[in-house]
């Protein structure tokens, strides 16, 4: 898969192999240096093809600091209540129109890094989700044409600070605390997955225990419909991401509730895409972070 990482203090795009990471510029000097540049240039599939044929040197993964695949996406458009069972456990009827909210890039957390539990709350929740990465510019995109606007997919943990989320009718504040939305571990080309990422198993685990288990076919507004709906309002551009909602099993709806605590390891596992793994760290203890491999 394609990943973003830090190389001597500089953001780079690379390809993750079984035995390490190679920067795209090491694979071919003509490739863009960063993931956003790669997506904006429409060269993601080309980079994947080159990487699969690459036999050169790699850097061991243990010596690399991964970043969110797109550290600063153009837009982070999120869907709430996009699985029937999750809507029900949250006390809502099946929606006729999606609940849509935005995230900021400062809310993103890197794969393997700290998922930060803010010091002002003990109601920090998990939400495993599929991400669709936009690869072409478009407005008023039809469902029939939507697949052609997605270049890649990834995993997301839409970490939610529930008491702040529910203080207002808008969910923005509870969804935008710093380093609460984990994104990664990398991007898998849409061409390497079933069309529109259909039929993929999604699991969220805490310390190895399965908390959420569903299939991307269970979404109320699947990828094509989500793109069509969002593009009625705003122009989608290369490097934008759609975060497509979580299934049932979130912590606030359990009896008793299960909220994340310092030291918990959360994994979002989507079939054929990968495992996004993060350790929960209390905000006031960030200096003691030991990253999860």
C-alpha atoms as a PDB file:
ATOM      1  CA  UNK A   1       0.000   0.000   0.000  1.00  0.00           C
ATOM      2  CA  UNK A   2       0.975   3.633  -0.408  1.00  0.00           C
ATOM      3  CA  UNK A   3       1.985   5.443   2.781  1.00  0.00           C
ATOM      4  CA  UNK A   4       3.146   8.874   3.901  1.00  0.00           C
ATOM      5  CA  UNK A   5       6.136   9.101   6.213  1.00  0.00           C
ATOM      6  CA  UNK A   6       8.799  11.439   7.570  1.00  0.00           C
ATOM      7  CA  UNK A   7      12.269  11.233   6.032  1.00  0.00           C
ATOM      8  CA  UNK A   8      14.859  13.493   7.710  1.00  0.00           C
ATOM      9  CA  UNK A   9      12.104  15.854   8.759  1.00  0.00           C
ATOM     10  CA  UNK A  10      10.501  15.949   5.301  1.00  0.00           C
ATOM     11  CA  UNK A  11       7.131  14.504   4.350  1.00  0.00           C
ATOM     12  CA  UNK A  12       7.423  11.790   1.694  1.00  0.00           C
ATOM     13  CA  UNK A  13       5.120   9.368  -0.071  1.00  0.00           C
ATOM     14  CA  UNK A  14       6.244   5.778  -0.298  1.00  0.00           C
ATOM     15  CA  UNK A  15       5.174   2.207  -0.785  1.00  0.00           C
ATOM     16  CA  UNK A  16       4.950  -0.254   2.094  1.00  0.00           C
ATOM     17  CA  UNK A  17       6.423  -3.671   1.293  1.00  0.00           C
ATOM     18  CA  UNK A  18       6.625  -6.734   3.541  1.00  0.00           C
ATOM     19  CA  UNK A  19      10.273  -5.910   4.273  1.00  0.00           C
ATOM     20  CA  UNK A  20      10.146  -2.114   4.560  1.00  0.00           C
ATOM     21  CA  UNK A  21       9.269   1.178   2.905  1.00  0.00           C
ATOM     22  CA  UNK A  22      10.617   2.765  -0.273  1.00  0.00           C
ATOM     23  CA  UNK A  23      10.063   6.421  -1.107  1.00  0.00           C
ATOM     24  CA  UNK A  24       8.292   6.950  -4.422  1.00  0.00           C
ATOM     25  CA  UNK A  25      11.204   9.091  -5.615  1.00  0.00           C
ATOM     26  CA  UNK A  26      13.503   6.090  -4.957  1.00  0.00           C
ATOM     27  CA  UNK A  27      11.213   3.889  -7.043  1.00  0.00           C
ATOM     28  CA  UNK A  28      11.128   6.418  -9.882  1.00  0.00           C
ATOM     29  CA  UNK A  29      12.585   9.919  -9.746  1.00  0.00           C
ATOM     30  CA  UNK A  30       9.758  11.216 -11.912  1.00  0.00           C
ATOM     31  CA  UNK A  31       7.047  10.405  -9.371  1.00  0.00           C
ATOM     32  CA  UNK A  32       5.623  13.140  -7.121  1.00  0.00           C
ATOM     33  CA  UNK A  33       7.230  13.448  -3.706  1.00  0.00           C
ATOM     34  CA  UNK A  34       4.084  13.612  -1.522  1.00  0.00           C
ATOM     35  CA  UNK A  35       0.803  11.747  -1.481  1.00  0.00           C
ATOM     36  CA  UNK A  36      -1.298  14.835  -2.108  1.00  0.00           C
ATOM     37  CA  UNK A  37       0.814  15.711  -5.143  1.00  0.00           C
ATOM     38  CA  UNK A  38       0.499  12.125  -6.361  1.00  0.00           C
ATOM     39  CA  UNK A  39      -3.297  12.146  -6.045  1.00  0.00           C
ATOM     40  CA  UNK A  40      -3.627  15.603  -7.574  1.00  0.00           C
ATOM     41  CA  UNK A  41      -1.488  14.499 -10.520  1.00  0.00           C
ATOM     42  CA  UNK A  42      -3.746  11.488 -11.119  1.00  0.00           C
ATOM     43  CA  UNK A  43      -0.765   9.141 -10.911  1.00  0.00           C
ATOM     44  CA  UNK A  44      -1.701   6.887  -7.988  1.00  0.00           C
ATOM     45  CA  UNK A  45      -2.320   3.755 -10.094  1.00  0.00           C
ATOM     46  CA  UNK A  46       0.905   4.389 -12.009  1.00  0.00           C
ATOM     47  CA  UNK A  47       2.867   4.633  -8.755  1.00  0.00           C
ATOM     48  CA  UNK A  48       1.365   1.370  -7.502  1.00  0.00           C
ATOM     49  CA  UNK A  49       2.310  -0.418 -10.728  1.00  0.00           C
ATOM     50  CA  UNK A  50       5.882   0.870 -10.502  1.00  0.00           C
ATOM     51  CA  UNK A  51       6.127  -0.084  -6.834  1.00  0.00           C
ATOM     52  CA  UNK A  52       4.955  -3.637  -7.467  1.00  0.00           C
ATOM     53  CA  UNK A  53       7.819  -4.054  -9.943  1.00  0.00           C
ATOM     54  CA  UNK A  54      10.434  -2.420  -7.674  1.00  0.00           C
ATOM     55  CA  UNK A  55      13.272  -4.632  -6.408  1.00  0.00           C
ATOM     56  CA  UNK A  56      15.523  -1.995  -4.852  1.00  0.00           C
ATOM     57  CA  UNK A  57      16.465  -1.069  -1.310  1.00  0.00           C
ATOM     58  CA  UNK A  58      13.901  -0.346   1.403  1.00  0.00           C
ATOM     59  CA  UNK A  59      13.997   1.314   4.795  1.00  0.00           C
ATOM     60  CA  UNK A  60      12.909  -0.943   7.710  1.00  0.00           C
ATOM     61  CA  UNK A  61       9.421  -0.062   8.882  1.00  0.00           C
ATOM     62  CA  UNK A  62      10.618   0.118  12.492  1.00  0.00           C
ATOM     63  CA  UNK A  63      12.837   3.097  11.615  1.00  0.00           C
ATOM     64  CA  UNK A  64      10.069   5.024   9.818  1.00  0.00           C
ATOM     65  CA  UNK A  65       7.536   7.413  11.353  1.00  0.00           C
ATOM     66  CA  UNK A  66       4.288   7.049   9.448  1.00  0.00           C
ATOM     67  CA  UNK A  67       1.933   9.980   8.900  1.00  0.00           C
ATOM     68  CA  UNK A  68      -1.745   9.940   7.994  1.00  0.00           C
ATOM     69  CA  UNK A  69      -1.771   8.905   4.312  1.00  0.00           C
ATOM     70  CA  UNK A  70      -2.938  12.412   3.416  1.00  0.00           C
ATOM     71  CA  UNK A  71      -1.716  14.557   6.322  1.00  0.00           C
ATOM     72  CA  UNK A  72      -3.702  17.586   5.129  1.00  0.00           C
ATOM     73  CA  UNK A  73      -6.648  16.488   3.006  1.00  0.00           C
ATOM     74  CA  UNK A  74      -8.465  19.196   1.124  1.00  0.00           C
ATOM     75  CA  UNK A  75     -11.792  18.364   2.749  1.00  0.00           C
ATOM     76  CA  UNK A  76     -12.643  15.740   5.364  1.00  0.00           C
ATOM     77  CA  UNK A  77     -16.337  14.997   4.860  1.00  0.00           C
ATOM     78  CA  UNK A  78     -17.804  12.594   7.419  1.00  0.00           C
ATOM     79  CA  UNK A  79     -21.046  10.609   7.443  1.00  0.00           C
ATOM     80  CA  UNK A  80     -22.892   9.896  10.688  1.00  0.00           C
ATOM     81  CA  UNK A  81     -25.524   7.224  11.313  1.00  0.00           C
ATOM     82  CA  UNK A  82     -24.689   5.438   8.056  1.00  0.00           C
ATOM     83  CA  UNK A  83     -25.443   1.917   9.308  1.00  0.00           C
ATOM     84  CA  UNK A  84     -28.989   0.976  10.335  1.00  0.00           C
ATOM     85  CA  UNK A  85     -27.940  -0.814  13.538  1.00  0.00           C
ATOM     86  CA  UNK A  86     -25.768   2.102  14.658  1.00  0.00           C
ATOM     87  CA  UNK A  87     -28.584   4.579  14.026  1.00  0.00           C
ATOM     88  CA  UNK A  88     -30.870   2.373  16.125  1.00  0.00           C
ATOM     89  CA  UNK A  89     -28.416   2.001  19.024  1.00  0.00           C
ATOM     90  CA  UNK A  90     -27.992   5.796  19.001  1.00  0.00           C
ATOM     91  CA  UNK A  91     -31.751   6.320  19.290  1.00  0.00           C
ATOM     92  CA  UNK A  92     -32.422   7.414  15.702  1.00  0.00           C
ATOM     93  CA  UNK A  93     -34.642   6.050  12.952  1.00  0.00           C
ATOM     94  CA  UNK A  94     -33.065   5.018   9.660  1.00  0.00           C
ATOM     95  CA  UNK A  95     -32.189   8.377   8.091  1.00  0.00           C
ATOM     96  CA  UNK A  96     -33.652   9.438   4.768  1.00  0.00           C
ATOM     97  CA  UNK A  97     -30.752  11.846   4.289  1.00  0.00           C
ATOM     98  CA  UNK A  98     -27.271  11.443   5.796  1.00  0.00           C
ATOM     99  CA  UNK A  99     -25.936  13.339   8.781  1.00  0.00           C
ATOM    100  CA  UNK A 100     -22.856  15.066   7.358  1.00  0.00           C
ATOM    101  CA  UNK A 101     -20.166  16.886   9.317  1.00  0.00           C
ATOM    102  CA  UNK A 102     -16.602  18.039   8.677  1.00  0.00           C
ATOM    103  CA  UNK A 103     -13.313  17.298  10.375  1.00  0.00           C
ATOM    104  CA  UNK A 104     -10.157  19.400  10.395  1.00  0.00           C
ATOM    105  CA  UNK A 105      -6.663  18.159   9.573  1.00  0.00           C
ATOM    106  CA  UNK A 106      -5.496  18.930  13.142  1.00  0.00           C
ATOM    107  CA  UNK A 107      -7.904  16.258  14.378  1.00  0.00           C
ATOM    108  CA  UNK A 108      -6.038  13.532  12.463  1.00  0.00           C
ATOM    109  CA  UNK A 109      -3.809  10.974  14.164  1.00  0.00           C
ATOM    110  CA  UNK A 110      -1.102   8.974  12.428  1.00  0.00           C
ATOM    111  CA  UNK A 111      -1.165   5.195  12.127  1.00  0.00           C
ATOM    112  CA  UNK A 112       0.778   3.636  14.973  1.00  0.00           C
ATOM    113  CA  UNK A 113       0.764   6.874  16.923  1.00  0.00           C
ATOM    114  CA  UNK A 114      -1.189   8.378  19.770  1.00  0.00           C
ATOM    115  CA  UNK A 115      -4.954   8.512  19.707  1.00  0.00           C
ATOM    116  CA  UNK A 116      -5.294  11.337  22.201  1.00  0.00           C
ATOM    117  CA  UNK A 117      -7.862  11.192  24.987  1.00  0.00           C
ATOM    118  CA  UNK A 118      -8.450  14.859  25.857  1.00  0.00           C
ATOM    119  CA  UNK A 119      -7.900  15.957  29.435  1.00  0.00           C
ATOM    120  CA  UNK A 120     -11.371  17.553  29.629  1.00  0.00           C
ATOM    121  CA  UNK A 121     -13.330  14.320  29.058  1.00  0.00           C
ATOM    122  CA  UNK A 122     -13.531  10.662  30.040  1.00  0.00           C
ATOM    123  CA  UNK A 123     -16.084   9.864  27.319  1.00  0.00           C
ATOM    124  CA  UNK A 124     -13.738   9.184  24.427  1.00  0.00           C
ATOM    125  CA  UNK A 125     -15.311   6.707  22.008  1.00  0.00           C
ATOM    126  CA  UNK A 126     -14.202   4.691  18.968  1.00  0.00           C
ATOM    127  CA  UNK A 127     -15.791   4.387  15.512  1.00  0.00           C
ATOM    128  CA  UNK A 128     -14.230   2.181  12.836  1.00  0.00           C
ATOM    129  CA  UNK A 129     -14.935   3.475   9.325  1.00  0.00           C
ATOM    130  CA  UNK A 130     -14.090   3.165   5.627  1.00  0.00           C
ATOM    131  CA  UNK A 131     -12.447   6.116   3.842  1.00  0.00           C
ATOM    132  CA  UNK A 132     -12.872   6.897   0.136  1.00  0.00           C
ATOM    133  CA  UNK A 133     -10.196   9.158  -1.374  1.00  0.00           C
ATOM    134  CA  UNK A 134     -11.289  11.437  -4.208  1.00  0.00           C
ATOM    135  CA  UNK A 135      -8.991  11.356  -7.237  1.00  0.00           C
ATOM    136  CA  UNK A 136     -10.850  13.564  -9.752  1.00  0.00           C
ATOM    137  CA  UNK A 137     -12.528  16.947  -9.581  1.00  0.00           C
ATOM    138  CA  UNK A 138     -16.298  16.884  -9.972  1.00  0.00           C
ATOM    139  CA  UNK A 139     -19.664  18.397  -9.117  1.00  0.00           C
ATOM    140  CA  UNK A 140     -23.142  16.871  -9.530  1.00  0.00           C
ATOM    141  CA  UNK A 141     -21.597  13.429  -9.909  1.00  0.00           C
ATOM    142  CA  UNK A 142     -24.084  10.671 -10.711  1.00  0.00           C
ATOM    143  CA  UNK A 143     -24.116   7.397  -8.804  1.00  0.00           C
ATOM    144  CA  UNK A 144     -23.392   5.624 -12.094  1.00  0.00           C
ATOM    145  CA  UNK A 145     -20.180   7.628 -12.573  1.00  0.00           C
ATOM    146  CA  UNK A 146     -19.089   7.833  -8.942  1.00  0.00           C
ATOM    147  CA  UNK A 147     -16.589   4.955  -9.054  1.00  0.00           C
ATOM    148  CA  UNK A 148     -14.434   6.891 -11.497  1.00  0.00           C
ATOM    149  CA  UNK A 149     -13.922   9.673  -8.947  1.00  0.00           C
ATOM    150  CA  UNK A 150     -12.390   7.435  -6.241  1.00  0.00           C
ATOM    151  CA  UNK A 151      -8.689   6.649  -6.510  1.00  0.00           C
ATOM    152  CA  UNK A 152      -8.117   4.813  -3.218  1.00  0.00           C
ATOM    153  CA  UNK A 153      -9.518   3.593   0.093  1.00  0.00           C
ATOM    154  CA  UNK A 154      -8.265   3.493   3.666  1.00  0.00           C
ATOM    155  CA  UNK A 155      -9.345   3.012   7.295  1.00  0.00           C
ATOM    156  CA  UNK A 156     -10.420   5.591   9.857  1.00  0.00           C
ATOM    157  CA  UNK A 157     -11.183   5.686  13.567  1.00  0.00           C
ATOM    158  CA  UNK A 158     -13.604   8.566  14.049  1.00  0.00           C
ATOM    159  CA  UNK A 159     -12.694   9.093  17.699  1.00  0.00           C
ATOM    160  CA  UNK A 160     -15.565  10.979  19.317  1.00  0.00           C
ATOM    161  CA  UNK A 161     -15.618  12.964  22.548  1.00  0.00           C
ATOM    162  CA  UNK A 162     -19.218  12.132  23.345  1.00  0.00           C
ATOM    163  CA  UNK A 163     -20.044  14.636  26.089  1.00  0.00           C
ATOM    164  CA  UNK A 164     -18.829  17.512  23.911  1.00  0.00           C
ATOM    165  CA  UNK A 165     -20.464  16.053  20.788  1.00  0.00           C
ATOM    166  CA  UNK A 166     -23.851  15.963  22.501  1.00  0.00           C
ATOM    167  CA  UNK A 167     -23.671  19.437  24.039  1.00  0.00           C
ATOM    168  CA  UNK A 168     -24.933  20.957  20.800  1.00  0.00           C
ATOM    169  CA  UNK A 169     -27.140  19.968  17.878  1.00  0.00           C
ATOM    170  CA  UNK A 170     -24.027  20.171  15.682  1.00  0.00           C
ATOM    171  CA  UNK A 171     -21.442  17.419  16.229  1.00  0.00           C
ATOM    172  CA  UNK A 172     -18.423  19.484  15.152  1.00  0.00           C
ATOM    173  CA  UNK A 173     -16.809  20.129  18.538  1.00  0.00           C
ATOM    174  CA  UNK A 174     -16.872  16.506  19.694  1.00  0.00           C
ATOM    175  CA  UNK A 175     -15.379  15.318  16.409  1.00  0.00           C
ATOM    176  CA  UNK A 176     -12.482  17.775  16.149  1.00  0.00           C
ATOM    177  CA  UNK A 177     -10.331  17.465  19.247  1.00  0.00           C
ATOM    178  CA  UNK A 178      -6.662  17.265  18.272  1.00  0.00           C
ATOM    179  CA  UNK A 179      -5.326  13.828  17.280  1.00  0.00           C
ATOM    180  CA  UNK A 180      -8.596  11.965  17.838  1.00  0.00           C
ATOM    181  CA  UNK A 181      -9.289  10.795  14.274  1.00  0.00           C
ATOM    182  CA  UNK A 182      -6.830   8.078  13.269  1.00  0.00           C
ATOM    183  CA  UNK A 183      -6.338   7.643   9.508  1.00  0.00           C
ATOM    184  CA  UNK A 184      -4.368   4.922   7.731  1.00  0.00           C
ATOM    185  CA  UNK A 185      -2.259   2.878   7.684  1.00  0.00           C
ATOM    186  CA  UNK A 186      -2.040   3.758   3.980  1.00  0.00           C
ATOM    187  CA  UNK A 187      -3.960   3.996   0.729  1.00  0.00           C
ATOM    188  CA  UNK A 188      -5.010   0.965  -1.292  1.00  0.00           C
ATOM    189  CA  UNK A 189      -5.769   1.736  -4.932  1.00  0.00           C
ATOM    190  CA  UNK A 190      -9.438   1.455  -5.844  1.00  0.00           C
ATOM    191  CA  UNK A 191      -8.375  -0.725  -8.778  1.00  0.00           C
ATOM    192  CA  UNK A 192      -7.058  -3.326  -6.300  1.00  0.00           C
ATOM    193  CA  UNK A 193     -10.399  -3.635  -4.480  1.00  0.00           C
ATOM    194  CA  UNK A 194     -13.946  -4.701  -5.389  1.00  0.00           C
ATOM    195  CA  UNK A 195     -15.830  -1.940  -7.219  1.00  0.00           C
ATOM    196  CA  UNK A 196     -16.839   0.825  -4.807  1.00  0.00           C
ATOM    197  CA  UNK A 197     -15.299  -1.212  -1.936  1.00  0.00           C
ATOM    198  CA  UNK A 198     -18.359  -3.439  -1.735  1.00  0.00           C
ATOM    199  CA  UNK A 199     -18.497  -6.559   0.403  1.00  0.00           C
ATOM    200  CA  UNK A 200     -15.544  -5.848   2.699  1.00  0.00           C
ATOM    201  CA  UNK A 201     -15.557  -6.996   6.328  1.00  0.00           C
ATOM    202  CA  UNK A 202     -14.961  -4.203   8.863  1.00  0.00           C
ATOM    203  CA  UNK A 203     -13.951  -4.859  12.465  1.00  0.00           C
ATOM    204  CA  UNK A 204     -12.964  -2.633  15.366  1.00  0.00           C
ATOM    205  CA  UNK A 205     -11.030  -4.244  18.227  1.00  0.00           C
ATOM    206  CA  UNK A 206      -9.953  -2.913  21.612  1.00  0.00           C
ATOM    207  CA  UNK A 207      -7.065  -4.791  23.175  1.00  0.00           C
ATOM    208  CA  UNK A 208      -7.893  -7.688  20.852  1.00  0.00           C
ATOM    209  CA  UNK A 209     -11.611  -7.888  21.716  1.00  0.00           C
ATOM    210  CA  UNK A 210     -14.003  -7.396  18.788  1.00  0.00           C
ATOM    211  CA  UNK A 211     -16.284  -4.420  19.494  1.00  0.00           C
ATOM    212  CA  UNK A 212     -17.675  -3.770  15.995  1.00  0.00           C
ATOM    213  CA  UNK A 213     -18.157  -6.196  13.128  1.00  0.00           C
ATOM    214  CA  UNK A 214     -19.979  -5.405   9.907  1.00  0.00           C
ATOM    215  CA  UNK A 215     -19.668  -5.323   6.135  1.00  0.00           C
ATOM    216  CA  UNK A 216     -19.387  -2.318   3.841  1.00  0.00           C
ATOM    217  CA  UNK A 217     -22.513  -3.618   2.097  1.00  0.00           C
ATOM    218  CA  UNK A 218     -24.410  -2.656   5.269  1.00  0.00           C
ATOM    219  CA  UNK A 219     -24.015   1.094   4.681  1.00  0.00           C
ATOM    220  CA  UNK A 220     -27.256   3.034   4.226  1.00  0.00           C
ATOM    221  CA  UNK A 221     -25.533   5.488   1.882  1.00  0.00           C
ATOM    222  CA  UNK A 222     -22.742   3.492   0.210  1.00  0.00           C
ATOM    223  CA  UNK A 223     -19.811   5.026  -1.623  1.00  0.00           C
ATOM    224  CA  UNK A 224     -21.550   5.920  -4.894  1.00  0.00           C
ATOM    225  CA  UNK A 225     -24.571   7.480  -3.202  1.00  0.00           C
ATOM    226  CA  UNK A 226     -22.385   9.351  -0.715  1.00  0.00           C
ATOM    227  CA  UNK A 227     -20.383  10.912  -3.541  1.00  0.00           C
ATOM    228  CA  UNK A 228     -23.541  11.847  -5.431  1.00  0.00           C
ATOM    229  CA  UNK A 229     -25.071  13.487  -2.350  1.00  0.00           C
ATOM    230  CA  UNK A 230     -21.993  15.465  -1.310  1.00  0.00           C
ATOM    231  CA  UNK A 231     -21.268  16.638  -4.849  1.00  0.00           C
ATOM    232  CA  UNK A 232     -24.742  18.161  -5.098  1.00  0.00           C
ATOM    233  CA  UNK A 233     -23.487  20.778  -2.643  1.00  0.00           C
ATOM    234  CA  UNK A 234     -19.727  21.071  -3.072  1.00  0.00           C
ATOM    235  CA  UNK A 235     -17.087  20.439  -5.669  1.00  0.00           C
ATOM    236  CA  UNK A 236     -15.082  17.337  -4.806  1.00  0.00           C
ATOM    237  CA  UNK A 237     -11.381  17.692  -5.538  1.00  0.00           C
ATOM    238  CA  UNK A 238      -8.397  15.331  -5.649  1.00  0.00           C
ATOM    239  CA  UNK A 239      -7.184  14.765  -2.112  1.00  0.00           C
ATOM    240  CA  UNK A 240     -10.584  15.198  -0.449  1.00  0.00           C
ATOM    241  CA  UNK A 241     -11.694  12.253   1.683  1.00  0.00           C
ATOM    242  CA  UNK A 242     -15.096  10.861   2.598  1.00  0.00           C
ATOM    243  CA  UNK A 243     -15.301   9.096   5.966  1.00  0.00           C
ATOM    244  CA  UNK A 244     -18.261   6.819   5.558  1.00  0.00           C
ATOM    245  CA  UNK A 245     -19.762   6.087   8.952  1.00  0.00           C
ATOM    246  CA  UNK A 246     -19.542   3.399  11.605  1.00  0.00           C
ATOM    247  CA  UNK A 247     -21.536   0.239  12.380  1.00  0.00           C
ATOM    248  CA  UNK A 248     -23.118  -0.663  15.719  1.00  0.00           C
ATOM    249  CA  UNK A 249     -21.096  -1.518  18.791  1.00  0.00           C
ATOM    250  CA  UNK A 250     -19.772   1.909  19.790  1.00  0.00           C
ATOM    251  CA  UNK A 251     -18.843   2.420  23.414  1.00  0.00           C
ATOM    252  CA  UNK A 252     -21.527   4.918  24.427  1.00  0.00           C
ATOM    253  CA  UNK A 253     -24.316   2.512  23.435  1.00  0.00           C
ATOM    254  CA  UNK A 254     -23.050  -0.438  25.481  1.00  0.00           C
ATOM    255  CA  UNK A 255     -24.401  -1.361  28.893  1.00  0.00           C
ATOM    256  CA  UNK A 256     -22.340  -0.393  30.769  1.00  0.00           C
ATOM    257  CA  UNK A 257     -20.674   2.088  28.388  1.00  0.00           C
ATOM    258  CA  UNK A 258     -17.136   1.298  27.234  1.00  0.00           C
ATOM    259  CA  UNK A 259     -15.008   4.392  26.750  1.00  0.00           C
ATOM    260  CA  UNK A 260     -11.357   4.435  25.738  1.00  0.00           C
ATOM    261  CA  UNK A 261      -8.741   4.764  28.462  1.00  0.00           C
ATOM    262  CA  UNK A 262      -5.010   5.383  28.543  1.00  0.00           C
ATOM    263  CA  UNK A 263      -3.054   2.418  27.191  1.00  0.00           C
ATOM    264  CA  UNK A 264      -5.863   0.847  25.174  1.00  0.00           C
ATOM    265  CA  UNK A 265      -4.875  -0.390  21.723  1.00  0.00           C
ATOM    266  CA  UNK A 266      -7.552   0.191  19.099  1.00  0.00           C
ATOM    267  CA  UNK A 267      -7.511  -1.564  15.733  1.00  0.00           C
ATOM    268  CA  UNK A 268      -9.719  -0.832  12.744  1.00  0.00           C
ATOM    269  CA  UNK A 269      -9.405  -3.763  10.354  1.00  0.00           C
ATOM    270  CA  UNK A 270     -10.946  -3.607   6.879  1.00  0.00           C
ATOM    271  CA  UNK A 271     -10.604  -6.619   4.639  1.00  0.00           C
ATOM    272  CA  UNK A 272      -8.137  -6.166   1.739  1.00  0.00           C
ATOM    273  CA  UNK A 273      -7.197  -2.688   3.003  1.00  0.00           C
ATOM    274  CA  UNK A 274      -5.307  -3.224   6.235  1.00  0.00           C
ATOM    275  CA  UNK A 275      -5.235  -2.683   9.975  1.00  0.00           C
ATOM    276  CA  UNK A 276      -5.121   0.806  11.484  1.00  0.00           C
ATOM    277  CA  UNK A 277      -3.592   0.428  14.950  1.00  0.00           C
ATOM    278  CA  UNK A 278      -3.293   3.149  17.591  1.00  0.00           C
ATOM    279  CA  UNK A 279      -2.640   3.416  21.286  1.00  0.00           C
ATOM    280  CA  UNK A 280      -4.841   5.666  23.411  1.00  0.00           C
ATOM    281  CA  UNK A 281      -2.778   8.207  25.340  1.00  0.00           C
ATOM    282  CA  UNK A 282      -4.076  10.704  27.880  1.00  0.00           C
ATOM    283  CA  UNK A 283      -3.369  14.216  26.647  1.00  0.00           C
ATOM    284  CA  UNK A 284      -1.366  15.106  29.745  1.00  0.00           C
ATOM    285  CA  UNK A 285       0.822  11.992  29.288  1.00  0.00           C
ATOM    286  CA  UNK A 286       1.734  12.427  25.622  1.00  0.00           C
ATOM    287  CA  UNK A 287       5.425  12.881  26.400  1.00  0.00           C
ATOM    288  CA  UNK A 288       5.514   9.281  27.618  1.00  0.00           C
ATOM    289  CA  UNK A 289       4.116   7.905  24.384  1.00  0.00           C
ATOM    290  CA  UNK A 290       5.606   4.705  23.094  1.00  0.00           C
ATOM    291  CA  UNK A 291       4.274   4.205  19.574  1.00  0.00           C
ATOM    292  CA  UNK A 292       2.506   0.999  18.652  1.00  0.00           C
ATOM    293  CA  UNK A 293       4.303  -0.838  15.866  1.00  0.00           C
END
